[in-house]
Amino acid sequence: MKAAIIYSSVTGNTSTLAEIIHEKMEQRDIKTDLFTIDQFQNHSLKDYDIIAVGTYSWDNGDLPLEMEELFEQFETEDVDHVTTGVFGTGGQLLSLFLWGLLTYLRICFLSILI
């Protein structure tokens, strides 16, 4: 089983969380690659069995611009076999971020079904 953790971090909080998740997955003998969003090649999504995506809250809960291309790539790549998860950090607007992210993922999921 091969996993990837892809994250974006400004203050270092999301980076720290990504490193903790990486360590926990490695302890469970899951080979896990850790990438910043700038390091990850979007076309390699299909090479993984598990992908965790982490980001911070931005503005009113929007995805940071640097993450949009990755989320769009999930819509175009053959990733039916990939188990995905999201994690995030933020301050006062974290609930807005999570709501925005869930709304975005629901729209992506519905577009796949249609």
PDB file of N, CA and C in Angstrom:
ATOM      1  N   MET A   1       0.838  -1.167   0.000  1.00  0.00           N
ATOM      2  CA  MET A   1       0.000   0.000   0.000  1.00  0.00           C
ATOM      3  C   MET A   1       0.891   1.241   0.000  1.00  0.00           C
ATOM      4  N   LYS A   2       0.539   2.207  -0.834  1.00  0.00           N
ATOM      5  CA  LYS A   2       1.344   3.415  -0.979  1.00  0.00           C
ATOM      6  C   LYS A   2       0.452   4.639  -0.750  1.00  0.00           C
ATOM      7  N   ALA A   3       0.945   5.561   0.067  1.00  0.00           N
ATOM      8  CA  ALA A   3       0.160   6.744   0.418  1.00  0.00           C
ATOM      9  C   ALA A   3       0.936   8.018   0.121  1.00  0.00           C
ATOM     10  N   ALA A   4       0.177   9.100  -0.051  1.00  0.00           N
ATOM     11  CA  ALA A   4       0.767  10.428  -0.217  1.00  0.00           C
ATOM     12  C   ALA A   4       0.035  11.400   0.697  1.00  0.00           C
ATOM     13  N   ILE A   5       0.806  12.272   1.298  1.00  0.00           N
ATOM     14  CA  ILE A   5       0.257  13.386   2.048  1.00  0.00           C
ATOM     15  C   ILE A   5       0.701  14.640   1.310  1.00  0.00           C
ATOM     16  N   ILE A   6      -0.264  15.447   0.902  1.00  0.00           N
ATOM     17  CA  ILE A   6       0.008  16.657   0.132  1.00  0.00           C
ATOM     18  C   ILE A   6      -0.559  17.824   0.928  1.00  0.00           C
ATOM     19  N   TYR A   7       0.250  18.839   1.173  1.00  0.00           N
ATOM     20  CA  TYR A   7      -0.239  19.921   2.033  1.00  0.00           C
ATOM     21  C   TYR A   7       0.294  21.282   1.599  1.00  0.00           C
ATOM     22  N   SER A   8      -0.400  22.299   2.097  1.00  0.00           N
ATOM     23  CA  SER A   8       0.025  23.683   1.944  1.00  0.00           C
ATOM     24  C   SER A   8       0.007  24.310   3.333  1.00  0.00           C
ATOM     25  N   SER A   9       1.039  25.066   3.653  1.00  0.00           N
ATOM     26  CA  SER A   9       1.143  25.650   4.986  1.00  0.00           C
ATOM     27  C   SER A   9       1.791  27.022   4.898  1.00  0.00           C
ATOM     28  N   VAL A  10       1.253  27.970   5.630  1.00  0.00           N
ATOM     29  CA  VAL A  10       1.830  29.302   5.685  1.00  0.00           C
ATOM     30  C   VAL A  10       2.543  29.512   7.018  1.00  0.00           C
ATOM     31  N   THR A  11       1.866  29.171   8.103  1.00  0.00           N
ATOM     32  CA  THR A  11       2.420  29.420   9.440  1.00  0.00           C
ATOM     33  C   THR A  11       3.207  28.243   9.987  1.00  0.00           C
ATOM     34  N   GLY A  12       3.098  27.073   9.340  1.00  0.00           N
ATOM     35  CA  GLY A  12       3.777  25.884   9.819  1.00  0.00           C
ATOM     36  C   GLY A  12       2.855  24.925  10.557  1.00  0.00           C
ATOM     37  N   ASN A  13       1.640  25.351  10.882  1.00  0.00           N
ATOM     38  CA  ASN A  13       0.712  24.481  11.606  1.00  0.00           C
ATOM     39  C   ASN A  13       0.284  23.275  10.767  1.00  0.00           C
ATOM     40  N   THR A  14      -0.080  23.513   9.522  1.00  0.00           N
ATOM     41  CA  THR A  14      -0.504  22.408   8.651  1.00  0.00           C
ATOM     42  C   THR A  14       0.677  21.501   8.345  1.00  0.00           C
ATOM     43  N   SER A  15       1.862  22.071   8.213  1.00  0.00           N
ATOM     44  CA  SER A  15       3.073  21.287   8.002  1.00  0.00           C
ATOM     45  C   SER A  15       3.321  20.342   9.180  1.00  0.00           C
ATOM     46  N   THR A  16       3.181  20.859  10.387  1.00  0.00           N
ATOM     47  CA  THR A  16       3.364  20.033  11.584  1.00  0.00           C
ATOM     48  C   THR A  16       2.348  18.905  11.619  1.00  0.00           C
ATOM     49  N   LEU A  17       1.095  19.205  11.320  1.00  0.00           N
ATOM     50  CA  LEU A  17       0.059  18.182  11.298  1.00  0.00           C
ATOM     51  C   LEU A  17       0.346  17.133  10.230  1.00  0.00           C
ATOM     52  N   ALA A  18       0.801  17.560   9.059  1.00  0.00           N
ATOM     53  CA  ALA A  18       1.155  16.623   7.986  1.00  0.00           C
ATOM     54  C   ALA A  18       2.278  15.691   8.426  1.00  0.00           C
ATOM     55  N   GLU A  19       3.261  16.225   9.117  1.00  0.00           N
ATOM     56  CA  GLU A  19       4.377  15.404   9.602  1.00  0.00           C
ATOM     57  C   GLU A  19       3.913  14.387  10.639  1.00  0.00           C
ATOM     58  N   ILE A  20       2.978  14.770  11.502  1.00  0.00           N
ATOM     59  CA  ILE A  20       2.433  13.838  12.498  1.00  0.00           C
ATOM     60  C   ILE A  20       1.673  12.711  11.803  1.00  0.00           C
ATOM     61  N   ILE A  21       0.840  13.056  10.826  1.00  0.00           N
ATOM     62  CA  ILE A  21       0.089  12.037  10.083  1.00  0.00           C
ATOM     63  C   ILE A  21       1.056  11.119   9.347  1.00  0.00           C
ATOM     64  N   HIS A  22       2.089  11.683   8.737  1.00  0.00           N
ATOM     65  CA  HIS A  22       3.110  10.893   8.046  1.00  0.00           C
ATOM     66  C   HIS A  22       3.751   9.892   9.000  1.00  0.00           C
ATOM     67  N   GLU A  23       4.151  10.361  10.155  1.00  0.00           N
ATOM     68  CA  GLU A  23       4.788   9.490  11.154  1.00  0.00           C
ATOM     69  C   GLU A  23       3.853   8.361  11.581  1.00  0.00           C
ATOM     70  N   LYS A  24       2.585   8.676  11.836  1.00  0.00           N
ATOM     71  CA  LYS A  24       1.614   7.656  12.268  1.00  0.00           C
ATOM     72  C   LYS A  24       1.375   6.621  11.172  1.00  0.00           C
ATOM     73  N   MET A  25       1.324   7.049   9.925  1.00  0.00           N
ATOM     74  CA  MET A  25       1.114   6.097   8.834  1.00  0.00           C
ATOM     75  C   MET A  25       2.335   5.200   8.663  1.00  0.00           C
ATOM     76  N   GLU A  26       3.526   5.766   8.758  1.00  0.00           N
ATOM     77  CA  GLU A  26       4.753   4.975   8.654  1.00  0.00           C
ATOM     78  C   GLU A  26       4.836   3.951   9.792  1.00  0.00           C
ATOM     79  N   GLN A  27       4.380   4.325  10.995  1.00  0.00           N
ATOM     80  CA  GLN A  27       4.373   3.394  12.125  1.00  0.00           C
ATOM     81  C   GLN A  27       3.469   2.195  11.852  1.00  0.00           C
ATOM     82  N   ARG A  28       2.491   2.373  10.980  1.00  0.00           N
ATOM     83  CA  ARG A  28       1.581   1.284  10.614  1.00  0.00           C
ATOM     84  C   ARG A  28       2.034   0.573   9.338  1.00  0.00           C
ATOM     85  N   ASP A  29       3.310   0.770   8.996  1.00  0.00           N
ATOM     86  CA  ASP A  29       3.921   0.133   7.827  1.00  0.00           C
ATOM     87  C   ASP A  29       3.242   0.504   6.508  1.00  0.00           C
ATOM     88  N   ILE A  30       2.756   1.731   6.429  1.00  0.00           N
ATOM     89  CA  ILE A  30       2.214   2.247   5.174  1.00  0.00           C
ATOM     90  C   ILE A  30       3.271   3.171   4.586  1.00  0.00           C
ATOM     91  N   LYS A  31       3.833   2.777   3.440  1.00  0.00           N
ATOM     92  CA  LYS A  31       4.840   3.625   2.791  1.00  0.00           C
ATOM     93  C   LYS A  31       4.170   4.931   2.381  1.00  0.00           C
ATOM     94  N   THR A  32       4.651   6.023   2.952  1.00  0.00           N
ATOM     95  CA  THR A  32       3.976   7.308   2.779  1.00  0.00           C
ATOM     96  C   THR A  32       4.957   8.371   2.315  1.00  0.00           C
ATOM     97  N   ASP A  33       4.614   9.011   1.203  1.00  0.00           N
ATOM     98  CA  ASP A  33       5.386  10.138   0.692  1.00  0.00           C
ATOM     99  C   ASP A  33       4.762  11.427   1.198  1.00  0.00           C
ATOM    100  N   LEU A  34       5.599  12.368   1.623  1.00  0.00           N
ATOM    101  CA  LEU A  34       5.151  13.649   2.149  1.00  0.00           C
ATOM    102  C   LEU A  34       5.571  14.753   1.177  1.00  0.00           C
ATOM    103  N   PHE A  35       4.590  15.528   0.699  1.00  0.00           N
ATOM    104  CA  PHE A  35       4.850  16.567  -0.300  1.00  0.00           C
ATOM    105  C   PHE A  35       4.218  17.891   0.115  1.00  0.00           C
ATOM    106  N   THR A  36       4.910  18.995  -0.142  1.00  0.00           N
ATOM    107  CA  THR A  36       4.214  20.277  -0.170  1.00  0.00           C
ATOM    108  C   THR A  36       3.489  20.326  -1.503  1.00  0.00           C
ATOM    109  N   ILE A  37       2.512  21.205  -1.606  1.00  0.00           N
ATOM    110  CA  ILE A  37       1.760  21.308  -2.854  1.00  0.00           C
ATOM    111  C   ILE A  37       2.684  21.658  -4.021  1.00  0.00           C
ATOM    112  N   ASP A  38       3.732  22.405  -3.756  1.00  0.00           N
ATOM    113  CA  ASP A  38       4.674  22.781  -4.818  1.00  0.00           C
ATOM    114  C   ASP A  38       5.524  21.608  -5.288  1.00  0.00           C
ATOM    115  N   GLN A  39       5.726  20.624  -4.450  1.00  0.00           N
ATOM    116  CA  GLN A  39       6.552  19.466  -4.796  1.00  0.00           C
ATOM    117  C   GLN A  39       5.776  18.382  -5.534  1.00  0.00           C
ATOM    118  N   PHE A  40       4.461  18.335  -5.337  1.00  0.00           N
ATOM    119  CA  PHE A  40       3.660  17.228  -5.861  1.00  0.00           C
ATOM    120  C   PHE A  40       3.339  17.409  -7.334  1.00  0.00           C
ATOM    121  N   GLN A  41       3.491  16.332  -8.088  1.00  0.00           N
ATOM    122  CA  GLN A  41       3.143  16.314  -9.511  1.00  0.00           C
ATOM    123  C   GLN A  41       1.708  15.790  -9.628  1.00  0.00           C
ATOM    124  N   ASN A  42       0.777  16.652  -9.985  1.00  0.00           N
ATOM    125  CA  ASN A  42      -0.646  16.300  -9.976  1.00  0.00           C
ATOM    126  C   ASN A  42      -0.985  15.065 -10.800  1.00  0.00           C
ATOM    127  N   HIS A  43      -0.253  14.827 -11.871  1.00  0.00           N
ATOM    128  CA  HIS A  43      -0.563  13.677 -12.719  1.00  0.00           C
ATOM    129  C   HIS A  43      -0.249  12.342 -12.041  1.00  0.00           C
ATOM    130  N   SER A  44       0.386  12.362 -10.871  1.00  0.00           N
ATOM    131  CA  SER A  44       0.731  11.102 -10.205  1.00  0.00           C
ATOM    132  C   SER A  44      -0.290  10.680  -9.143  1.00  0.00           C
ATOM    133  N   LEU A  45      -1.454  11.304  -9.118  1.00  0.00           N
ATOM    134  CA  LEU A  45      -2.489  10.911  -8.158  1.00  0.00           C
ATOM    135  C   LEU A  45      -2.799   9.421  -8.251  1.00  0.00           C
ATOM    136  N   LYS A  46      -2.875   8.927  -9.468  1.00  0.00           N
ATOM    137  CA  LYS A  46      -3.265   7.530  -9.695  1.00  0.00           C
ATOM    138  C   LYS A  46      -2.222   6.528  -9.202  1.00  0.00           C
ATOM    139  N   ASP A  47      -1.026   6.992  -8.863  1.00  0.00           N
ATOM    140  CA  ASP A  47       0.037   6.105  -8.391  1.00  0.00           C
ATOM    141  C   ASP A  47      -0.098   5.727  -6.920  1.00  0.00           C
ATOM    142  N   TYR A  48      -1.108   6.287  -6.244  1.00  0.00           N
ATOM    143  CA  TYR A  48      -1.266   6.068  -4.805  1.00  0.00           C
ATOM    144  C   TYR A  48      -2.563   5.340  -4.487  1.00  0.00           C
ATOM    145  N   ASP A  49      -2.551   4.634  -3.358  1.00  0.00           N
ATOM    146  CA  ASP A  49      -3.743   3.963  -2.845  1.00  0.00           C
ATOM    147  C   ASP A  49      -4.489   4.849  -1.854  1.00  0.00           C
ATOM    148  N   ILE A  50      -3.742   5.700  -1.152  1.00  0.00           N
ATOM    149  CA  ILE A  50      -4.291   6.616  -0.157  1.00  0.00           C
ATOM    150  C   ILE A  50      -3.696   7.996  -0.406  1.00  0.00           C
ATOM    151  N   ILE A  51      -4.545   9.021  -0.368  1.00  0.00           N
ATOM    152  CA  ILE A  51      -4.055  10.392  -0.477  1.00  0.00           C
ATOM    153  C   ILE A  51      -4.750  11.235   0.586  1.00  0.00           C
ATOM    154  N   ALA A  52      -3.948  11.909   1.401  1.00  0.00           N
ATOM    155  CA  ALA A  52      -4.465  12.860   2.379  1.00  0.00           C
ATOM    156  C   ALA A  52      -4.029  14.249   1.948  1.00  0.00           C
ATOM    157  N   VAL A  53      -4.971  15.173   1.917  1.00  0.00           N
ATOM    158  CA  VAL A  53      -4.697  16.538   1.487  1.00  0.00           C
ATOM    159  C   VAL A  53      -4.948  17.470   2.665  1.00  0.00           C
ATOM    160  N   GLY A  54      -3.939  18.297   2.954  1.00  0.00           N
ATOM    161  CA  GLY A  54      -4.069  19.231   4.069  1.00  0.00           C
ATOM    162  C   GLY A  54      -3.836  20.657   3.639  1.00  0.00           C
ATOM    163  N   THR A  55      -4.619  21.551   4.206  1.00  0.00           N
ATOM    164  CA  THR A  55      -4.470  22.956   3.902  1.00  0.00           C
ATOM    165  C   THR A  55      -4.938  23.796   5.080  1.00  0.00           C
ATOM    166  N   TYR A  56      -4.795  25.080   4.959  1.00  0.00           N
ATOM    167  CA  TYR A  56      -5.194  26.019   6.002  1.00  0.00           C
ATOM    168  C   TYR A  56      -6.457  26.747   5.559  1.00  0.00           C
ATOM    169  N   SER A  57      -7.085  27.441   6.481  1.00  0.00           N
ATOM    170  CA  SER A  57      -8.257  28.227   6.104  1.00  0.00           C
ATOM    171  C   SER A  57      -7.804  29.538   5.469  1.00  0.00           C
ATOM    172  N   TRP A  58      -8.610  30.034   4.557  1.00  0.00           N
ATOM    173  CA  TRP A  58      -8.258  31.231   3.808  1.00  0.00           C
ATOM    174  C   TRP A  58      -9.517  32.062   3.589  1.00  0.00           C
ATOM    175  N   ASP A  59      -9.423  33.342   3.822  1.00  0.00           N
ATOM    176  CA  ASP A  59     -10.516  34.271   3.585  1.00  0.00           C
ATOM    177  C   ASP A  59     -11.765  33.808   4.337  1.00  0.00           C
ATOM    178  N   ASN A  60     -12.835  33.520   3.638  1.00  0.00           N
ATOM    179  CA  ASN A  60     -14.078  33.075   4.282  1.00  0.00           C
ATOM    180  C   ASN A  60     -14.269  31.573   4.137  1.00  0.00           C
ATOM    181  N   GLY A  61     -13.201  30.816   4.280  1.00  0.00           N
ATOM    182  CA  GLY A  61     -13.288  29.369   4.178  1.00  0.00           C
ATOM    183  C   GLY A  61     -12.968  28.821   2.802  1.00  0.00           C
ATOM    184  N   ASP A  62     -12.479  29.672   1.911  1.00  0.00           N
ATOM    185  CA  ASP A  62     -12.134  29.216   0.564  1.00  0.00           C
ATOM    186  C   ASP A  62     -10.847  28.408   0.579  1.00  0.00           C
ATOM    187  N   LEU A  63     -10.699  27.555  -0.443  1.00  0.00           N
ATOM    188  CA  LEU A  63      -9.427  26.870  -0.631  1.00  0.00           C
ATOM    189  C   LEU A  63      -8.376  27.887  -1.058  1.00  0.00           C
ATOM    190  N   PRO A  64      -7.158  27.756  -0.554  1.00  0.00           N
ATOM    191  CA  PRO A  64      -6.087  28.618  -1.055  1.00  0.00           C
ATOM    192  C   PRO A  64      -5.872  28.358  -2.549  1.00  0.00           C
ATOM    193  N   LEU A  65      -5.527  29.385  -3.268  1.00  0.00           N
ATOM    194  CA  LEU A  65      -5.373  29.275  -4.721  1.00  0.00           C
ATOM    195  C   LEU A  65      -4.425  28.158  -5.126  1.00  0.00           C
ATOM    196  N   GLU A  66      -3.340  27.960  -4.375  1.00  0.00           N
ATOM    197  CA  GLU A  66      -2.359  26.944  -4.760  1.00  0.00           C
ATOM    198  C   GLU A  66      -2.910  25.521  -4.670  1.00  0.00           C
ATOM    199  N   MET A  67      -4.056  25.335  -4.001  1.00  0.00           N
ATOM    200  CA  MET A  67      -4.634  23.998  -3.848  1.00  0.00           C
ATOM    201  C   MET A  67      -5.679  23.678  -4.918  1.00  0.00           C
ATOM    202  N   GLU A  68      -6.190  24.691  -5.600  1.00  0.00           N
ATOM    203  CA  GLU A  68      -7.298  24.478  -6.535  1.00  0.00           C
ATOM    204  C   GLU A  68      -6.960  23.507  -7.660  1.00  0.00           C
ATOM    205  N   GLU A  69      -5.777  23.622  -8.230  1.00  0.00           N
ATOM    206  CA  GLU A  69      -5.401  22.740  -9.344  1.00  0.00           C
ATOM    207  C   GLU A  69      -5.392  21.273  -8.903  1.00  0.00           C
ATOM    208  N   LEU A  70      -4.919  21.017  -7.692  1.00  0.00           N
ATOM    209  CA  LEU A  70      -4.903  19.646  -7.179  1.00  0.00           C
ATOM    210  C   LEU A  70      -6.323  19.099  -7.069  1.00  0.00           C
ATOM    211  N   PHE A  71      -7.228  19.876  -6.487  1.00  0.00           N
ATOM    212  CA  PHE A  71      -8.602  19.409  -6.334  1.00  0.00           C
ATOM    213  C   PHE A  71      -9.275  19.211  -7.685  1.00  0.00           C
ATOM    214  N   GLU A  72      -8.963  20.061  -8.650  1.00  0.00           N
ATOM    215  CA  GLU A  72      -9.498  19.880  -9.997  1.00  0.00           C
ATOM    216  C   GLU A  72      -8.938  18.619 -10.643  1.00  0.00           C
ATOM    217  N   GLN A  73      -7.692  18.280 -10.338  1.00  0.00           N
ATOM    218  CA  GLN A  73      -7.063  17.087 -10.902  1.00  0.00           C
ATOM    219  C   GLN A  73      -7.772  15.811 -10.436  1.00  0.00           C
ATOM    220  N   PHE A  74      -8.289  15.836  -9.215  1.00  0.00           N
ATOM    221  CA  PHE A  74      -9.056  14.682  -8.727  1.00  0.00           C
ATOM    222  C   PHE A  74     -10.262  14.402  -9.619  1.00  0.00           C
ATOM    223  N   GLU A  75     -10.791  15.441 -10.247  1.00  0.00           N
ATOM    224  CA  GLU A  75     -11.957  15.280 -11.113  1.00  0.00           C
ATOM    225  C   GLU A  75     -11.597  14.667 -12.464  1.00  0.00           C
ATOM    226  N   THR A  76     -10.367  14.827 -12.918  1.00  0.00           N
ATOM    227  CA  THR A  76     -10.006  14.378 -14.257  1.00  0.00           C
ATOM    228  C   THR A  76      -9.169  13.105 -14.279  1.00  0.00           C
ATOM    229  N   GLU A  77      -8.502  12.786 -13.183  1.00  0.00           N
ATOM    230  CA  GLU A  77      -7.658  11.582 -13.121  1.00  0.00           C
ATOM    231  C   GLU A  77      -8.508  10.347 -12.805  1.00  0.00           C
ATOM    232  N   ASP A  78      -8.000   9.195 -13.155  1.00  0.00           N
ATOM    233  CA  ASP A  78      -8.634   7.925 -12.820  1.00  0.00           C
ATOM    234  C   ASP A  78      -8.214   7.552 -11.397  1.00  0.00           C
ATOM    235  N   VAL A  79      -8.981   7.998 -10.413  1.00  0.00           N
ATOM    236  CA  VAL A  79      -8.625   7.795  -9.007  1.00  0.00           C
ATOM    237  C   VAL A  79      -9.712   7.034  -8.243  1.00  0.00           C
ATOM    238  N   ASP A  80     -10.508   6.230  -8.946  1.00  0.00           N
ATOM    239  CA  ASP A  80     -11.564   5.473  -8.282  1.00  0.00           C
ATOM    240  C   ASP A  80     -11.016   4.536  -7.207  1.00  0.00           C
ATOM    241  N   HIS A  81      -9.798   4.075  -7.374  1.00  0.00           N
ATOM    242  CA  HIS A  81      -9.199   3.130  -6.430  1.00  0.00           C
ATOM    243  C   HIS A  81      -8.558   3.822  -5.219  1.00  0.00           C
ATOM    244  N   VAL A  82      -8.506   5.152  -5.233  1.00  0.00           N
ATOM    245  CA  VAL A  82      -7.787   5.896  -4.211  1.00  0.00           C
ATOM    246  C   VAL A  82      -8.715   6.262  -3.053  1.00  0.00           C
ATOM    247  N   THR A  83      -8.277   5.934  -1.846  1.00  0.00           N
ATOM    248  CA  THR A  83      -8.965   6.386  -0.639  1.00  0.00           C
ATOM    249  C   THR A  83      -8.413   7.762  -0.301  1.00  0.00           C
ATOM    250  N   THR A  84      -9.306   8.736  -0.112  1.00  0.00           N
ATOM    251  CA  THR A  84      -8.857  10.102   0.133  1.00  0.00           C
ATOM    252  C   THR A  84      -9.325  10.608   1.486  1.00  0.00           C
ATOM    253  N   GLY A  85      -8.584  11.565   1.994  1.00  0.00           N
ATOM    254  CA  GLY A  85      -8.950  12.234   3.227  1.00  0.00           C
ATOM    255  C   GLY A  85      -8.442  13.660   3.188  1.00  0.00           C
ATOM    256  N   VAL A  86      -9.049  14.510   3.977  1.00  0.00           N
ATOM    257  CA  VAL A  86      -8.619  15.904   4.066  1.00  0.00           C
ATOM    258  C   VAL A  86      -8.377  16.261   5.526  1.00  0.00           C
ATOM    259  N   PHE A  87      -7.456  17.184   5.747  1.00  0.00           N
ATOM    260  CA  PHE A  87      -7.233  17.722   7.082  1.00  0.00           C
ATOM    261  C   PHE A  87      -6.872  19.186   6.930  1.00  0.00           C
ATOM    262  N   GLY A  88      -7.118  19.949   7.969  1.00  0.00           N
ATOM    263  CA  GLY A  88      -6.863  21.368   7.858  1.00  0.00           C
ATOM    264  C   GLY A  88      -6.602  22.018   9.196  1.00  0.00           C
ATOM    265  N   THR A  89      -6.052  23.203   9.127  1.00  0.00           N
ATOM    266  CA  THR A  89      -5.804  24.010  10.310  1.00  0.00           C
ATOM    267  C   THR A  89      -6.326  25.405  10.040  1.00  0.00           C
ATOM    268  N   GLY A  90      -6.565  26.122  11.084  1.00  0.00           N
ATOM    269  CA  GLY A  90      -7.029  27.488  10.922  1.00  0.00           C
ATOM    270  C   GLY A  90      -7.398  28.087  12.254  1.00  0.00           C
ATOM    271  N   GLY A  91      -7.749  29.319  12.191  1.00  0.00           N
ATOM    272  CA  GLY A  91      -8.131  30.033  13.399  1.00  0.00           C
ATOM    273  C   GLY A  91      -9.631  30.120  13.519  1.00  0.00           C
ATOM    274  N   GLN A  92     -10.105  31.328  13.635  1.00  0.00           N
ATOM    275  CA  GLN A  92     -11.522  31.571  13.852  1.00  0.00           C
ATOM    276  C   GLN A  92     -12.386  31.096  12.696  1.00  0.00           C
ATOM    277  N   LEU A  93     -11.845  31.051  11.506  1.00  0.00           N
ATOM    278  CA  LEU A  93     -12.648  30.720  10.330  1.00  0.00           C
ATOM    279  C   LEU A  93     -12.540  29.254   9.928  1.00  0.00           C
ATOM    280  N   LEU A  94     -12.001  28.400  10.797  1.00  0.00           N
ATOM    281  CA  LEU A  94     -11.844  26.993  10.450  1.00  0.00           C
ATOM    282  C   LEU A  94     -13.182  26.350  10.109  1.00  0.00           C
ATOM    283  N   SER A  95     -14.232  26.667  10.848  1.00  0.00           N
ATOM    284  CA  SER A  95     -15.535  26.061  10.560  1.00  0.00           C
ATOM    285  C   SER A  95     -16.016  26.468   9.166  1.00  0.00           C
ATOM    286  N   LEU A  96     -15.764  27.713   8.767  1.00  0.00           N
ATOM    287  CA  LEU A  96     -16.125  28.137   7.410  1.00  0.00           C
ATOM    288  C   LEU A  96     -15.303  27.393   6.369  1.00  0.00           C
ATOM    289  N   PHE A  97     -14.014  27.209   6.663  1.00  0.00           N
ATOM    290  CA  PHE A  97     -13.144  26.465   5.750  1.00  0.00           C
ATOM    291  C   PHE A  97     -13.661  25.040   5.561  1.00  0.00           C
ATOM    292  N   LEU A  98     -13.953  24.373   6.667  1.00  0.00           N
ATOM    293  CA  LEU A  98     -14.413  22.985   6.576  1.00  0.00           C
ATOM    294  C   LEU A  98     -15.744  22.905   5.847  1.00  0.00           C
ATOM    295  N   TRP A  99     -16.642  23.838   6.116  1.00  0.00           N
ATOM    296  CA  TRP A  99     -17.929  23.859   5.414  1.00  0.00           C
ATOM    297  C   TRP A  99     -17.708  24.079   3.920  1.00  0.00           C
ATOM    298  N   GLY A 100     -16.831  25.030   3.570  1.00  0.00           N
ATOM    299  CA  GLY A 100     -16.525  25.282   2.166  1.00  0.00           C
ATOM    300  C   GLY A 100     -15.904  24.074   1.492  1.00  0.00           C
ATOM    301  N   LEU A 101     -14.994  23.389   2.196  1.00  0.00           N
ATOM    302  CA  LEU A 101     -14.340  22.212   1.647  1.00  0.00           C
ATOM    303  C   LEU A 101     -15.344  21.085   1.428  1.00  0.00           C
ATOM    304  N   LEU A 102     -16.212  20.854   2.397  1.00  0.00           N
ATOM    305  CA  LEU A 102     -17.226  19.803   2.254  1.00  0.00           C
ATOM    306  C   LEU A 102     -18.181  20.124   1.109  1.00  0.00           C
ATOM    307  N   THR A 103     -18.543  21.384   0.964  1.00  0.00           N
ATOM    308  CA  THR A 103     -19.404  21.790  -0.148  1.00  0.00           C
ATOM    309  C   THR A 103     -18.703  21.527  -1.472  1.00  0.00           C
ATOM    310  N   TYR A 104     -17.424  21.896  -1.572  1.00  0.00           N
ATOM    311  CA  TYR A 104     -16.649  21.670  -2.790  1.00  0.00           C
ATOM    312  C   TYR A 104     -16.566  20.180  -3.120  1.00  0.00           C
ATOM    313  N   LEU A 105     -16.268  19.362  -2.106  1.00  0.00           N
ATOM    314  CA  LEU A 105     -16.148  17.926  -2.338  1.00  0.00           C
ATOM    315  C   LEU A 105     -17.487  17.321  -2.739  1.00  0.00           C
ATOM    316  N   ARG A 106     -18.578  17.811  -2.155  1.00  0.00           N
ATOM    317  CA  ARG A 106     -19.899  17.310  -2.521  1.00  0.00           C
ATOM    318  C   ARG A 106     -20.183  17.640  -3.981  1.00  0.00           C
ATOM    319  N   ILE A 107     -19.843  18.838  -4.419  1.00  0.00           N
ATOM    320  CA  ILE A 107     -20.040  19.228  -5.816  1.00  0.00           C
ATOM    321  C   ILE A 107     -19.202  18.332  -6.732  1.00  0.00           C
ATOM    322  N   CYS A 108     -17.943  18.076  -6.350  1.00  0.00           N
ATOM    323  CA  CYS A 108     -17.081  17.194  -7.149  1.00  0.00           C
ATOM    324  C   CYS A 108     -17.662  15.797  -7.221  1.00  0.00           C
ATOM    325  N   PHE A 109     -18.131  15.281  -6.084  1.00  0.00           N
ATOM    326  CA  PHE A 109     -18.689  13.934  -6.023  1.00  0.00           C
ATOM    327  C   PHE A 109     -19.922  13.840  -6.902  1.00  0.00           C
ATOM    328  N   LEU A 110     -20.797  14.842  -6.823  1.00  0.00           N
ATOM    329  CA  LEU A 110     -22.010  14.827  -7.627  1.00  0.00           C
ATOM    330  C   LEU A 110     -21.689  14.922  -9.108  1.00  0.00           C
ATOM    331  N   SER A 111     -20.664  15.692  -9.467  1.00  0.00           N
ATOM    332  CA  SER A 111     -20.302  15.804 -10.884  1.00  0.00           C
ATOM    333  C   SER A 111     -19.752  14.490 -11.421  1.00  0.00           C
ATOM    334  N   ILE A 112     -19.132  13.704 -10.542  1.00  0.00           N
ATOM    335  CA  ILE A 112     -18.634  12.377 -10.966  1.00  0.00           C
ATOM    336  C   ILE A 112     -19.784  11.434 -11.201  1.00  0.00           C
ATOM    337  N   LEU A 113     -20.819  11.506 -10.354  1.00  0.00           N
ATOM    338  CA  LEU A 113     -21.966  10.615 -10.475  1.00  0.00           C
ATOM    339  C   LEU A 113     -22.820  10.917 -11.691  1.00  0.00           C
ATOM    340  N   ILE A 114     -22.856  12.178 -12.076  1.00  0.00           N
ATOM    341  CA  ILE A 114     -23.746  12.588 -13.171  1.00  0.00           C
ATOM    342  C   ILE A 114     -23.162  12.289 -14.514  1.00  0.00           C
TER     343      ILE A 114
END
